[in-house]
Amino acid sequence: MAYAIWSGVGTALVAVAGYLFLDEPLGWVKVMSLALIVVGVLGLNLAGSH
């Protein structure tokens, strides 16, 4: 479970840092992909609590 959280958060933070500090474009595909990562990590946490 911890690996899923760290990998999801790490991926999202790298993408956001690229947008903020490296002037990388942040299109709708990247935004939706980041949202899917967040939803996936939340889903794994909720499924693990049952």
C-alpha atoms as a PDB file:
ATOM      1  CA  MET A   1       0.000   0.000   0.000  1.00  0.00           C
ATOM      2  CA  ALA A   2       2.769   2.431   0.893  1.00  0.00           C
ATOM      3  CA  TYR A   3       4.470   1.790  -2.438  1.00  0.00           C
ATOM      4  CA  ALA A   4       1.295   2.743  -4.326  1.00  0.00           C
ATOM      5  CA  ILE A   5       0.986   5.969  -2.367  1.00  0.00           C
ATOM      6  CA  TRP A   6       4.643   6.943  -2.795  1.00  0.00           C
ATOM      7  CA  SER A   7       4.701   6.146  -6.489  1.00  0.00           C
ATOM      8  CA  GLY A   8       1.432   7.968  -7.167  1.00  0.00           C
ATOM      9  CA  VAL A   9       2.338  11.051  -5.167  1.00  0.00           C
ATOM     10  CA  GLY A  10       5.860  11.086  -6.579  1.00  0.00           C
ATOM     11  CA  THR A  11       4.626  10.909 -10.155  1.00  0.00           C
ATOM     12  CA  ALA A  12       2.107  13.677  -9.589  1.00  0.00           C
ATOM     13  CA  LEU A  13       4.656  15.917  -7.852  1.00  0.00           C
ATOM     14  CA  VAL A  14       7.202  15.481 -10.635  1.00  0.00           C
ATOM     15  CA  ALA A  15       4.595  16.454 -13.216  1.00  0.00           C
ATOM     16  CA  VAL A  16       3.533  19.515 -11.222  1.00  0.00           C
ATOM     17  CA  ALA A  17       7.155  20.537 -10.627  1.00  0.00           C
ATOM     18  CA  GLY A  18       7.816  20.254 -14.350  1.00  0.00           C
ATOM     19  CA  TYR A  19       4.881  22.549 -15.022  1.00  0.00           C
ATOM     20  CA  LEU A  20       5.794  25.087 -12.348  1.00  0.00           C
ATOM     21  CA  PHE A  21       9.577  25.218 -12.645  1.00  0.00           C
ATOM     22  CA  LEU A  22      10.469  23.892 -16.102  1.00  0.00           C
ATOM     23  CA  ASP A  23       7.685  25.492 -18.151  1.00  0.00           C
ATOM     24  CA  GLU A  24       6.401  22.165 -19.416  1.00  0.00           C
ATOM     25  CA  PRO A  25       2.957  22.314 -20.998  1.00  0.00           C
ATOM     26  CA  LEU A  26       0.106  20.940 -18.899  1.00  0.00           C
ATOM     27  CA  GLY A  27      -2.641  19.931 -21.297  1.00  0.00           C
ATOM     28  CA  TRP A  28      -5.914  18.243 -20.560  1.00  0.00           C
ATOM     29  CA  VAL A  29      -4.425  14.785 -21.142  1.00  0.00           C
ATOM     30  CA  LYS A  30      -1.814  15.339 -18.413  1.00  0.00           C
ATOM     31  CA  VAL A  31      -4.392  16.794 -16.036  1.00  0.00           C
ATOM     32  CA  MET A  32      -6.731  13.833 -16.569  1.00  0.00           C
ATOM     33  CA  SER A  33      -3.845  11.393 -16.161  1.00  0.00           C
ATOM     34  CA  LEU A  34      -2.834  12.995 -12.871  1.00  0.00           C
ATOM     35  CA  ALA A  35      -6.455  12.857 -11.731  1.00  0.00           C
ATOM     36  CA  LEU A  36      -6.558   9.145 -12.563  1.00  0.00           C
ATOM     37  CA  ILE A  37      -3.415   8.588 -10.498  1.00  0.00           C
ATOM     38  CA  VAL A  38      -4.991  10.350  -7.511  1.00  0.00           C
ATOM     39  CA  VAL A  39      -8.260   8.424  -7.909  1.00  0.00           C
ATOM     40  CA  GLY A  40      -6.325   5.168  -8.219  1.00  0.00           C
ATOM     41  CA  VAL A  41      -4.341   5.772  -5.044  1.00  0.00           C
ATOM     42  CA  LEU A  42      -7.514   6.733  -3.178  1.00  0.00           C
ATOM     43  CA  GLY A  43      -9.226   3.615  -4.481  1.00  0.00           C
ATOM     44  CA  LEU A  44      -6.368   1.412  -3.331  1.00  0.00           C
ATOM     45  CA  ASN A  45      -6.488   2.967   0.126  1.00  0.00           C
ATOM     46  CA  LEU A  46     -10.238   2.539   0.417  1.00  0.00           C
ATOM     47  CA  ALA A  47     -10.115  -1.043  -0.839  1.00  0.00           C
ATOM     48  CA  GLY A  48      -7.340  -1.860   1.597  1.00  0.00           C
ATOM     49  CA  SER A  49      -9.358  -0.701   4.590  1.00  0.00           C
ATOM     50  CA  HIS A  50     -12.063  -3.376   4.169  1.00  0.00           C
END
